[in-house]
Amino acid sequence: MDLSNTDSIAGEEVVETLGLVRGNTVRARNVGRDITQGLRNLAGGELKGYSELMTDARDQAQERMIEEAEALGADGVVNVRFTTSSIADSGAEILAYGTAVRLR
């Protein structure tokens, strides 16, 4: 599956637009991670535990978007975007979305 954050894929011709596809996940922090990351926050530096949590969430949201595109018979997804929103006090939603297309 070809993905692009532009409206085309280099070297490919879009022959059909199949529509909007998306994938999302909601992740919550856990108490153990909050404690270790809270200590790291006091000392400064990257909060690696949270970075890993968000990376995993983005990967899962992207995979779900790809699955939705494949179900439509798409070869690619263009104009791919990610967005994040807070859910309650300790959760975040990651949404990946784009336009599913068929390529020549």
N, C-alpha and C. Protein backbone atom coordinates (compact mmCIF):
# COMPACT_ATOMS: atom_id res chain seq x y z
N MET A 1 0.86 -1.18 0.00
CA MET A 1 0.00 0.00 0.00
C MET A 1 0.90 1.23 0.00
N ASP A 2 0.73 2.08 -1.01
CA ASP A 2 1.47 3.34 -1.07
C ASP A 2 0.74 4.41 -0.27
N LEU A 3 1.48 5.14 0.56
CA LEU A 3 0.91 6.23 1.35
C LEU A 3 1.65 7.52 1.01
N SER A 4 0.91 8.63 1.01
CA SER A 4 1.52 9.92 0.74
C SER A 4 0.77 11.01 1.50
N ASN A 5 1.52 12.00 1.96
CA ASN A 5 0.86 13.12 2.61
C ASN A 5 0.60 14.26 1.62
N THR A 6 0.81 13.98 0.32
CA THR A 6 0.48 14.92 -0.74
C THR A 6 -0.71 14.36 -1.52
N ASP A 7 -1.18 15.11 -2.52
CA ASP A 7 -2.35 14.64 -3.27
C ASP A 7 -2.01 13.70 -4.41
N SER A 8 -0.76 13.26 -4.48
CA SER A 8 -0.36 12.30 -5.50
C SER A 8 0.75 11.42 -4.95
N ILE A 9 1.06 10.38 -5.72
CA ILE A 9 2.17 9.49 -5.36
C ILE A 9 3.14 9.54 -6.54
N ALA A 10 4.36 9.92 -6.28
CA ALA A 10 5.36 10.10 -7.34
C ALA A 10 5.47 8.85 -8.20
N GLY A 11 5.41 9.05 -9.51
CA GLY A 11 5.55 7.94 -10.44
C GLY A 11 4.29 7.13 -10.65
N GLU A 12 3.21 7.51 -10.00
CA GLU A 12 1.96 6.77 -10.11
C GLU A 12 0.85 7.70 -10.61
N GLU A 13 -0.15 7.12 -11.27
CA GLU A 13 -1.30 7.90 -11.73
C GLU A 13 -2.53 7.44 -10.96
N VAL A 14 -3.21 8.38 -10.33
CA VAL A 14 -4.46 8.09 -9.65
C VAL A 14 -5.54 7.97 -10.71
N VAL A 15 -6.19 6.79 -10.78
CA VAL A 15 -7.23 6.58 -11.79
C VAL A 15 -8.63 6.57 -11.19
N GLU A 16 -8.71 6.42 -9.86
CA GLU A 16 -10.02 6.42 -9.21
C GLU A 16 -9.87 6.82 -7.76
N THR A 17 -10.76 7.68 -7.31
CA THR A 17 -10.82 8.08 -5.91
C THR A 17 -11.92 7.26 -5.26
N LEU A 18 -11.59 6.56 -4.19
CA LEU A 18 -12.55 5.66 -3.55
C LEU A 18 -13.20 6.26 -2.31
N GLY A 19 -12.63 7.33 -1.78
CA GLY A 19 -13.24 8.00 -0.64
C GLY A 19 -12.34 8.06 0.58
N LEU A 20 -12.86 8.69 1.58
CA LEU A 20 -12.15 8.90 2.84
C LEU A 20 -12.00 7.59 3.60
N VAL A 21 -10.80 7.36 4.11
CA VAL A 21 -10.56 6.21 4.99
C VAL A 21 -9.91 6.72 6.26
N ARG A 22 -10.11 6.00 7.33
CA ARG A 22 -9.56 6.43 8.61
C ARG A 22 -9.27 5.22 9.48
N GLY A 23 -8.44 5.45 10.46
CA GLY A 23 -8.16 4.46 11.49
C GLY A 23 -7.86 5.22 12.76
N ASN A 24 -8.32 4.70 13.87
CA ASN A 24 -8.05 5.39 15.13
C ASN A 24 -7.81 4.40 16.26
N THR A 25 -7.26 4.91 17.31
CA THR A 25 -7.09 4.16 18.55
C THR A 25 -7.09 5.15 19.70
N VAL A 26 -7.54 4.69 20.83
CA VAL A 26 -7.50 5.50 22.05
C VAL A 26 -6.60 4.78 23.03
N ARG A 27 -5.62 5.48 23.53
CA ARG A 27 -4.67 4.89 24.47
C ARG A 27 -4.71 5.65 25.78
N ALA A 28 -4.57 4.91 26.86
CA ALA A 28 -4.52 5.52 28.20
C ALA A 28 -3.16 5.27 28.81
N ARG A 29 -2.71 6.24 29.57
CA ARG A 29 -1.47 6.06 30.33
C ARG A 29 -1.77 5.08 31.45
N ASN A 30 -0.69 4.47 32.00
CA ASN A 30 -0.90 3.61 33.15
C ASN A 30 -0.15 4.19 34.35
N VAL A 31 -0.54 3.76 35.53
CA VAL A 31 0.01 4.33 36.76
C VAL A 31 1.52 4.15 36.84
N GLY A 32 2.02 2.98 36.52
CA GLY A 32 3.47 2.74 36.58
C GLY A 32 4.23 3.67 35.65
N ARG A 33 3.72 3.84 34.45
CA ARG A 33 4.37 4.73 33.50
C ARG A 33 4.28 6.17 33.99
N ASP A 34 3.14 6.56 34.57
CA ASP A 34 2.99 7.92 35.08
C ASP A 34 4.03 8.22 36.16
N ILE A 35 4.29 7.26 37.03
CA ILE A 35 5.27 7.47 38.11
C ILE A 35 6.67 7.65 37.53
N THR A 36 7.08 6.74 36.64
CA THR A 36 8.43 6.85 36.08
C THR A 36 8.59 8.09 35.21
N GLN A 37 7.57 8.42 34.46
CA GLN A 37 7.65 9.61 33.60
C GLN A 37 7.58 10.89 34.43
N GLY A 38 6.86 10.84 35.55
CA GLY A 38 6.82 11.99 36.46
C GLY A 38 8.20 12.27 37.04
N LEU A 39 8.92 11.22 37.39
CA LEU A 39 10.29 11.41 37.90
C LEU A 39 11.20 11.96 36.80
N ARG A 40 11.04 11.45 35.58
CA ARG A 40 11.84 11.94 34.46
C ARG A 40 11.52 13.42 34.20
N ASN A 41 10.27 13.80 34.37
CA ASN A 41 9.86 15.18 34.15
C ASN A 41 10.56 16.13 35.12
N LEU A 42 10.82 15.66 36.34
CA LEU A 42 11.52 16.48 37.33
C LEU A 42 12.96 16.76 36.90
N ALA A 43 13.58 15.76 36.28
CA ALA A 43 14.98 15.89 35.87
C ALA A 43 15.13 16.54 34.49
N GLY A 44 14.08 16.53 33.73
CA GLY A 44 14.13 17.07 32.38
C GLY A 44 14.49 16.00 31.37
N GLY A 45 14.27 16.29 30.12
CA GLY A 45 14.58 15.34 29.06
C GLY A 45 13.33 14.73 28.46
N GLU A 46 13.57 13.89 27.47
CA GLU A 46 12.46 13.25 26.76
C GLU A 46 11.73 12.28 27.68
N LEU A 47 10.42 12.26 27.57
CA LEU A 47 9.59 11.30 28.29
C LEU A 47 9.41 10.09 27.37
N LYS A 48 10.42 9.23 27.34
CA LYS A 48 10.48 8.14 26.37
C LYS A 48 9.30 7.19 26.47
N GLY A 49 8.82 6.95 27.67
CA GLY A 49 7.67 6.07 27.84
C GLY A 49 6.45 6.59 27.11
N TYR A 50 6.24 7.89 27.19
CA TYR A 50 5.10 8.50 26.49
C TYR A 50 5.36 8.56 24.98
N SER A 51 6.61 8.81 24.60
CA SER A 51 6.94 8.82 23.17
C SER A 51 6.65 7.46 22.55
N GLU A 52 7.03 6.39 23.24
CA GLU A 52 6.77 5.04 22.75
C GLU A 52 5.27 4.76 22.68
N LEU A 53 4.53 5.21 23.68
CA LEU A 53 3.08 5.02 23.70
C LEU A 53 2.44 5.69 22.49
N MET A 54 2.85 6.91 22.17
CA MET A 54 2.28 7.64 21.04
C MET A 54 2.73 7.05 19.70
N THR A 55 3.96 6.58 19.62
CA THR A 55 4.44 5.94 18.39
C THR A 55 3.63 4.68 18.11
N ASP A 56 3.43 3.86 19.13
CA ASP A 56 2.63 2.64 18.97
C ASP A 56 1.20 2.97 18.55
N ALA A 57 0.64 4.01 19.15
CA ALA A 57 -0.73 4.41 18.83
C ALA A 57 -0.82 4.89 17.38
N ARG A 58 0.14 5.70 16.93
CA ARG A 58 0.13 6.16 15.53
C ARG A 58 0.25 4.99 14.57
N ASP A 59 1.13 4.03 14.88
CA ASP A 59 1.29 2.85 14.03
C ASP A 59 -0.02 2.07 13.93
N GLN A 60 -0.70 1.90 15.04
CA GLN A 60 -1.95 1.15 15.04
C GLN A 60 -3.03 1.90 14.26
N ALA A 61 -3.13 3.20 14.45
CA ALA A 61 -4.12 4.00 13.71
C ALA A 61 -3.84 3.92 12.21
N GLN A 62 -2.57 4.01 11.82
CA GLN A 62 -2.22 3.92 10.40
C GLN A 62 -2.57 2.56 9.84
N GLU A 63 -2.28 1.49 10.57
CA GLU A 63 -2.62 0.14 10.11
C GLU A 63 -4.12 -0.02 9.93
N ARG A 64 -4.91 0.54 10.83
CA ARG A 64 -6.36 0.45 10.70
C ARG A 64 -6.86 1.24 9.49
N MET A 65 -6.23 2.38 9.20
CA MET A 65 -6.58 3.15 8.01
C MET A 65 -6.27 2.34 6.75
N ILE A 66 -5.10 1.69 6.73
CA ILE A 66 -4.71 0.87 5.58
C ILE A 66 -5.68 -0.29 5.39
N GLU A 67 -6.09 -0.93 6.47
CA GLU A 67 -7.05 -2.04 6.38
C GLU A 67 -8.37 -1.56 5.76
N GLU A 68 -8.82 -0.37 6.16
CA GLU A 68 -10.06 0.17 5.60
C GLU A 68 -9.89 0.46 4.10
N ALA A 69 -8.72 0.99 3.72
CA ALA A 69 -8.45 1.26 2.31
C ALA A 69 -8.40 -0.03 1.50
N GLU A 70 -7.75 -1.06 2.03
CA GLU A 70 -7.66 -2.34 1.33
C GLU A 70 -9.04 -2.96 1.14
N ALA A 71 -9.92 -2.78 2.13
CA ALA A 71 -11.28 -3.30 2.02
C ALA A 71 -12.05 -2.64 0.87
N LEU A 72 -11.66 -1.42 0.51
CA LEU A 72 -12.27 -0.72 -0.63
C LEU A 72 -11.60 -1.07 -1.95
N GLY A 73 -10.51 -1.84 -1.90
CA GLY A 73 -9.77 -2.19 -3.11
C GLY A 73 -8.75 -1.15 -3.52
N ALA A 74 -8.31 -0.34 -2.58
CA ALA A 74 -7.35 0.73 -2.88
C ALA A 74 -5.93 0.20 -3.03
N ASP A 75 -5.16 0.90 -3.84
CA ASP A 75 -3.72 0.64 -3.99
C ASP A 75 -2.90 1.64 -3.17
N GLY A 76 -3.53 2.76 -2.82
CA GLY A 76 -2.81 3.81 -2.12
C GLY A 76 -3.76 4.69 -1.33
N VAL A 77 -3.16 5.50 -0.47
CA VAL A 77 -3.90 6.51 0.29
C VAL A 77 -3.10 7.80 0.16
N VAL A 78 -3.76 8.86 -0.30
CA VAL A 78 -3.11 10.15 -0.46
C VAL A 78 -3.68 11.14 0.55
N ASN A 79 -2.98 12.23 0.72
CA ASN A 79 -3.36 13.27 1.70
C ASN A 79 -3.50 12.70 3.11
N VAL A 80 -2.58 11.81 3.48
CA VAL A 80 -2.62 11.18 4.81
C VAL A 80 -2.29 12.22 5.87
N ARG A 81 -3.09 12.23 6.91
CA ARG A 81 -2.92 13.14 8.04
C ARG A 81 -3.10 12.37 9.34
N PHE A 82 -2.52 12.91 10.41
CA PHE A 82 -2.70 12.38 11.76
C PHE A 82 -3.20 13.52 12.64
N THR A 83 -4.04 13.19 13.57
CA THR A 83 -4.49 14.17 14.55
C THR A 83 -4.61 13.47 15.91
N THR A 84 -4.45 14.25 16.95
CA THR A 84 -4.51 13.73 18.32
C THR A 84 -5.49 14.57 19.11
N SER A 85 -6.25 13.91 19.97
CA SER A 85 -7.13 14.65 20.87
C SER A 85 -7.13 13.96 22.23
N SER A 86 -7.37 14.75 23.25
CA SER A 86 -7.42 14.22 24.62
C SER A 86 -8.77 13.58 24.88
N ILE A 87 -8.73 12.47 25.58
CA ILE A 87 -9.94 11.79 26.02
C ILE A 87 -9.82 11.66 27.53
N ALA A 88 -10.68 12.31 28.27
CA ALA A 88 -10.61 12.32 29.73
C ALA A 88 -9.27 12.86 30.19
N ASP A 89 -8.83 12.52 31.39
CA ASP A 89 -7.60 13.05 31.94
C ASP A 89 -6.36 12.26 31.53
N SER A 90 -6.53 10.98 31.22
CA SER A 90 -5.33 10.17 31.02
C SER A 90 -5.33 9.42 29.69
N GLY A 91 -6.14 9.83 28.74
CA GLY A 91 -6.19 9.13 27.47
C GLY A 91 -6.05 10.07 26.29
N ALA A 92 -5.65 9.50 25.18
CA ALA A 92 -5.52 10.28 23.94
C ALA A 92 -5.98 9.42 22.78
N GLU A 93 -6.66 10.07 21.84
CA GLU A 93 -7.05 9.41 20.60
C GLU A 93 -6.08 9.86 19.51
N ILE A 94 -5.63 8.90 18.72
CA ILE A 94 -4.85 9.18 17.53
C ILE A 94 -5.73 8.78 16.35
N LEU A 95 -5.87 9.68 15.39
CA LEU A 95 -6.67 9.42 14.20
C LEU A 95 -5.78 9.61 12.98
N ALA A 96 -5.75 8.60 12.11
CA ALA A 96 -5.07 8.69 10.83
C ALA A 96 -6.15 8.68 9.76
N TYR A 97 -6.04 9.59 8.78
CA TYR A 97 -7.06 9.63 7.73
C TYR A 97 -6.45 10.09 6.42
N GLY A 98 -7.12 9.75 5.35
CA GLY A 98 -6.67 10.14 4.03
C GLY A 98 -7.69 9.72 2.99
N THR A 99 -7.31 9.84 1.73
CA THR A 99 -8.20 9.50 0.61
C THR A 99 -7.68 8.23 -0.06
N ALA A 100 -8.52 7.20 -0.08
CA ALA A 100 -8.17 5.95 -0.72
C ALA A 100 -8.28 6.10 -2.24
N VAL A 101 -7.28 5.58 -2.96
CA VAL A 101 -7.25 5.70 -4.41
C VAL A 101 -6.82 4.39 -5.06
N ARG A 102 -7.19 4.26 -6.34
CA ARG A 102 -6.66 3.19 -7.18
C ARG A 102 -5.62 3.83 -8.10
N LEU A 103 -4.55 3.11 -8.28
CA LEU A 103 -3.45 3.60 -9.11
C LEU A 103 -3.32 2.79 -10.38
N ARG A 104 -2.78 3.43 -11.43
CA ARG A 104 -2.51 2.70 -12.67
C ARG A 104 -1.14 2.06 -12.57
